[in-house]
Amino acid sequence: MHEMAYLRRIVDAVVDAGERQGAAEVVSVRLVVGELRDFIDKYVFGYFKFLARGTIAENAEVVLQRVPFTVQCRACGTIYHFDFRDADAGACPTCGAHDFELRTGRELRVDSVVVRGSADHPRAPEPQGVQGKAAGRA
């Protein structure tokens, strides 16, 4: 259920971006979601549809681009996938060190919004990022 608060801010940002573009409709939204966000697809799609009711985004297709959780070994520099659900994971596959820093996996942003203008001329605005505490680059 934690998706609801994030989706509220995302829908607001998408609708605002579309309205600033003078759009009649938001056609699609691409969300970049890191693995650590642990979002469940059906909730993301359902909450977006629910929260977008009555707006220019109510019929938008939502596309999720998943980003894996990766870390970089501080000892040798190797970047590797880290399975945070596995208690035995974590050692660098190259040197065996357990000293690493997060590279990817906490992302949550709107990557792109495709709108249809009032004259039914499709156009794609520059990607709009969602900013703020509830959503944004982490």
C-alpha atoms as a PDB file:
ATOM      1  CA  MET A   1       0.000   0.000   0.000  1.00  0.00           C
ATOM      2  CA  HIS A   2       2.970   2.366   0.254  1.00  0.00           C
ATOM      3  CA  GLU A   3       2.642   2.936  -3.507  1.00  0.00           C
ATOM      4  CA  MET A   4      -0.475   5.116  -3.018  1.00  0.00           C
ATOM      5  CA  ALA A   5       1.341   8.130  -1.542  1.00  0.00           C
ATOM      6  CA  TYR A   6       4.003   8.030  -4.242  1.00  0.00           C
ATOM      7  CA  LEU A   7       1.457   7.596  -7.010  1.00  0.00           C
ATOM      8  CA  ARG A   8      -0.541  10.586  -5.769  1.00  0.00           C
ATOM      9  CA  ARG A   9       2.483  12.852  -6.314  1.00  0.00           C
ATOM     10  CA  ILE A  10       3.313  11.216  -9.633  1.00  0.00           C
ATOM     11  CA  VAL A  11      -0.222  11.621 -10.992  1.00  0.00           C
ATOM     12  CA  ASP A  12      -0.266  15.260  -9.849  1.00  0.00           C
ATOM     13  CA  ALA A  13       3.072  15.905 -11.586  1.00  0.00           C
ATOM     14  CA  VAL A  14       1.952  14.159 -14.791  1.00  0.00           C
ATOM     15  CA  VAL A  15      -1.330  16.073 -14.918  1.00  0.00           C
ATOM     16  CA  ASP A  16       0.452  19.380 -14.204  1.00  0.00           C
ATOM     17  CA  ALA A  17       3.005  18.677 -16.950  1.00  0.00           C
ATOM     18  CA  GLY A  18       0.265  17.833 -19.440  1.00  0.00           C
ATOM     19  CA  GLU A  19      -1.767  20.896 -18.570  1.00  0.00           C
ATOM     20  CA  ARG A  20       1.287  23.155 -18.907  1.00  0.00           C
ATOM     21  CA  GLN A  21       1.762  21.673 -22.391  1.00  0.00           C
ATOM     22  CA  GLY A  22      -1.847  22.489 -23.264  1.00  0.00           C
ATOM     23  CA  ALA A  23      -2.600  18.805 -23.748  1.00  0.00           C
ATOM     24  CA  ALA A  24      -6.044  17.405 -24.249  1.00  0.00           C
ATOM     25  CA  GLU A  25      -4.886  14.000 -23.027  1.00  0.00           C
ATOM     26  CA  VAL A  26      -1.905  12.193 -21.518  1.00  0.00           C
ATOM     27  CA  VAL A  27      -1.318   9.173 -23.748  1.00  0.00           C
ATOM     28  CA  SER A  28       1.446   7.416 -21.820  1.00  0.00           C
ATOM     29  CA  VAL A  29       3.717   7.744 -18.820  1.00  0.00           C
ATOM     30  CA  ARG A  30       7.038   5.941 -18.364  1.00  0.00           C
ATOM     31  CA  LEU A  31       8.089   5.483 -14.740  1.00  0.00           C
ATOM     32  CA  VAL A  32      11.605   4.466 -13.723  1.00  0.00           C
ATOM     33  CA  VAL A  33      11.393   2.378 -10.543  1.00  0.00           C
ATOM     34  CA  GLY A  34      14.362   0.943  -8.678  1.00  0.00           C
ATOM     35  CA  GLU A  35      14.252  -2.585  -7.274  1.00  0.00           C
ATOM     36  CA  LEU A  36      14.581  -1.304  -3.701  1.00  0.00           C
ATOM     37  CA  ARG A  37      11.265   0.535  -4.053  1.00  0.00           C
ATOM     38  CA  ASP A  38       9.617  -2.900  -3.960  1.00  0.00           C
ATOM     39  CA  PHE A  39       6.605  -1.631  -5.899  1.00  0.00           C
ATOM     40  CA  ILE A  40       4.021  -4.186  -6.967  1.00  0.00           C
ATOM     41  CA  ASP A  41       3.047  -3.626 -10.585  1.00  0.00           C
ATOM     42  CA  LYS A  42      -0.692  -4.256 -10.181  1.00  0.00           C
ATOM     43  CA  TYR A  43      -0.857  -1.665  -7.390  1.00  0.00           C
ATOM     44  CA  VAL A  44       1.071   0.909  -9.401  1.00  0.00           C
ATOM     45  CA  PHE A  45      -1.244   0.476 -12.390  1.00  0.00           C
ATOM     46  CA  GLY A  46      -4.395   0.343 -10.268  1.00  0.00           C
ATOM     47  CA  TYR A  47      -3.551   3.327  -8.081  1.00  0.00           C
ATOM     48  CA  PHE A  48      -2.516   5.403 -11.082  1.00  0.00           C
ATOM     49  CA  LYS A  49      -5.823   4.670 -12.811  1.00  0.00           C
ATOM     50  CA  PHE A  50      -7.788   5.382  -9.618  1.00  0.00           C
ATOM     51  CA  LEU A  51      -5.975   8.636  -8.831  1.00  0.00           C
ATOM     52  CA  ALA A  52      -6.085   9.876 -12.436  1.00  0.00           C
ATOM     53  CA  ARG A  53      -9.876   9.562 -12.726  1.00  0.00           C
ATOM     54  CA  GLY A  54     -11.447  12.695 -14.157  1.00  0.00           C
ATOM     55  CA  THR A  55      -8.086  14.136 -15.280  1.00  0.00           C
ATOM     56  CA  ILE A  56      -6.354  14.343 -18.646  1.00  0.00           C
ATOM     57  CA  ALA A  57      -4.320  11.300 -17.547  1.00  0.00           C
ATOM     58  CA  GLU A  58      -7.220   8.951 -16.806  1.00  0.00           C
ATOM     59  CA  ASN A  59      -6.628   6.813 -19.915  1.00  0.00           C
ATOM     60  CA  ALA A  60      -2.838   6.979 -19.918  1.00  0.00           C
ATOM     61  CA  GLU A  61      -0.831   3.831 -20.442  1.00  0.00           C
ATOM     62  CA  VAL A  62       1.651   3.394 -17.590  1.00  0.00           C
ATOM     63  CA  VAL A  63       4.949   1.720 -18.464  1.00  0.00           C
ATOM     64  CA  LEU A  64       7.354   0.656 -15.722  1.00  0.00           C
ATOM     65  CA  GLN A  65      11.071   0.531 -16.378  1.00  0.00           C
ATOM     66  CA  ARG A  66      12.711  -1.443 -13.585  1.00  0.00           C
ATOM     67  CA  VAL A  67      16.239  -0.672 -12.407  1.00  0.00           C
ATOM     68  CA  PRO A  68      18.114  -3.444 -10.586  1.00  0.00           C
ATOM     69  CA  PHE A  69      19.814  -2.952  -7.236  1.00  0.00           C
ATOM     70  CA  THR A  70      23.523  -2.685  -7.970  1.00  0.00           C
ATOM     71  CA  VAL A  71      26.488  -1.823  -5.796  1.00  0.00           C
ATOM     72  CA  GLN A  72      30.122  -0.973  -6.462  1.00  0.00           C
ATOM     73  CA  CYS A  73      32.898  -2.666  -4.538  1.00  0.00           C
ATOM     74  CA  ARG A  74      35.080  -0.085  -2.807  1.00  0.00           C
ATOM     75  CA  ALA A  75      38.060  -2.454  -2.885  1.00  0.00           C
ATOM     76  CA  CYS A  76      38.217  -3.314  -6.602  1.00  0.00           C
ATOM     77  CA  GLY A  77      35.555  -1.162  -8.287  1.00  0.00           C
ATOM     78  CA  THR A  78      33.423  -4.033  -9.616  1.00  0.00           C
ATOM     79  CA  ILE A  79      29.757  -3.142 -10.104  1.00  0.00           C
ATOM     80  CA  TYR A  80      27.407  -6.047  -9.451  1.00  0.00           C
ATOM     81  CA  HIS A  81      23.795  -6.930  -8.739  1.00  0.00           C
ATOM     82  CA  PHE A  82      23.119  -7.246  -5.039  1.00  0.00           C
ATOM     83  CA  ASP A  83      20.229  -9.447  -3.941  1.00  0.00           C
ATOM     84  CA  PHE A  84      19.098  -7.712  -0.766  1.00  0.00           C
ATOM     85  CA  ARG A  85      16.592 -10.515  -0.134  1.00  0.00           C
ATOM     86  CA  ASP A  86      19.413 -13.070   0.265  1.00  0.00           C
ATOM     87  CA  ALA A  87      21.098 -12.931   3.685  1.00  0.00           C
ATOM     88  CA  ASP A  88      24.205 -14.634   2.289  1.00  0.00           C
ATOM     89  CA  ALA A  89      24.647 -12.207  -0.598  1.00  0.00           C
ATOM     90  CA  GLY A  90      26.868  -9.185  -0.562  1.00  0.00           C
ATOM     91  CA  ALA A  91      30.409 -10.335  -1.198  1.00  0.00           C
ATOM     92  CA  CYS A  92      32.016  -8.895  -4.304  1.00  0.00           C
ATOM     93  CA  PRO A  93      32.122 -11.612  -6.985  1.00  0.00           C
ATOM     94  CA  THR A  94      35.584 -10.420  -8.064  1.00  0.00           C
ATOM     95  CA  CYS A  95      37.515  -9.943  -4.831  1.00  0.00           C
ATOM     96  CA  GLY A  96      35.197 -11.197  -2.067  1.00  0.00           C
ATOM     97  CA  ALA A  97      35.130  -7.866  -0.183  1.00  0.00           C
ATOM     98  CA  HIS A  98      32.007  -6.840   1.734  1.00  0.00           C
ATOM     99  CA  ASP A  99      32.615  -3.094   1.413  1.00  0.00           C
ATOM    100  CA  PHE A 100      30.402  -1.504  -1.233  1.00  0.00           C
ATOM    101  CA  GLU A 101      28.307   1.537  -2.051  1.00  0.00           C
ATOM    102  CA  LEU A 102      24.889   1.763  -3.671  1.00  0.00           C
ATOM    103  CA  ARG A 103      24.884   2.507  -7.415  1.00  0.00           C
ATOM    104  CA  THR A 104      21.319   1.902  -8.585  1.00  0.00           C
ATOM    105  CA  GLY A 105      18.039   0.610  -7.242  1.00  0.00           C
ATOM    106  CA  ARG A 106      16.398   3.494  -5.357  1.00  0.00           C
ATOM    107  CA  GLU A 107      15.172   5.382  -8.433  1.00  0.00           C
ATOM    108  CA  LEU A 108      11.631   6.678  -8.635  1.00  0.00           C
ATOM    109  CA  ARG A 109      10.923   9.205 -11.332  1.00  0.00           C
ATOM    110  CA  VAL A 110       8.753  10.045 -14.278  1.00  0.00           C
ATOM    111  CA  ASP A 111      10.994   9.440 -17.275  1.00  0.00           C
ATOM    112  CA  SER A 112       8.609  10.633 -19.985  1.00  0.00           C
ATOM    113  CA  VAL A 113       5.085  11.825 -20.550  1.00  0.00           C
ATOM    114  CA  VAL A 114       3.525  11.590 -24.003  1.00  0.00           C
ATOM    115  CA  VAL A 115       0.570  13.900 -24.565  1.00  0.00           C
ATOM    116  CA  ARG A 116      -1.924  14.604 -27.309  1.00  0.00           C
ATOM    117  CA  GLY A 117      -2.536  18.283 -27.909  1.00  0.00           C
ATOM    118  CA  SER A 118      -5.901  19.963 -28.188  1.00  0.00           C
ATOM    119  CA  ALA A 119      -5.607  19.842 -31.996  1.00  0.00           C
ATOM    120  CA  ASP A 120      -4.945  16.069 -31.831  1.00  0.00           C
ATOM    121  CA  HIS A 121      -1.313  16.501 -32.818  1.00  0.00           C
ATOM    122  CA  PRO A 122       0.719  14.041 -30.747  1.00  0.00           C
ATOM    123  CA  ARG A 123       3.820  15.481 -29.151  1.00  0.00           C
ATOM    124  CA  ALA A 124       6.246  14.342 -26.519  1.00  0.00           C
ATOM    125  CA  PRO A 125       7.471  16.955 -24.032  1.00  0.00           C
ATOM    126  CA  GLU A 126      10.889  16.810 -22.461  1.00  0.00           C
ATOM    127  CA  PRO A 127      11.008  14.121 -19.764  1.00  0.00           C
ATOM    128  CA  GLN A 128       9.547  15.417 -16.535  1.00  0.00           C
ATOM    129  CA  GLY A 129      11.051  14.275 -13.246  1.00  0.00           C
ATOM    130  CA  VAL A 130       8.944  14.088 -10.122  1.00  0.00           C
ATOM    131  CA  GLN A 131      10.611  16.036  -7.355  1.00  0.00           C
ATOM    132  CA  GLY A 132       9.993  16.241  -3.652  1.00  0.00           C
ATOM    133  CA  LYS A 133      10.151  14.034  -0.602  1.00  0.00           C
ATOM    134  CA  ALA A 134       7.612  11.446  -1.693  1.00  0.00           C
ATOM    135  CA  ALA A 135       9.155  10.850  -5.094  1.00  0.00           C
ATOM    136  CA  GLY A 136      12.316  11.799  -6.874  1.00  0.00           C
ATOM    137  CA  ARG A 137      15.783  10.581  -7.474  1.00  0.00           C
ATOM    138  CA  ALA A 138      17.110   8.866  -4.465  1.00  0.00           C
END
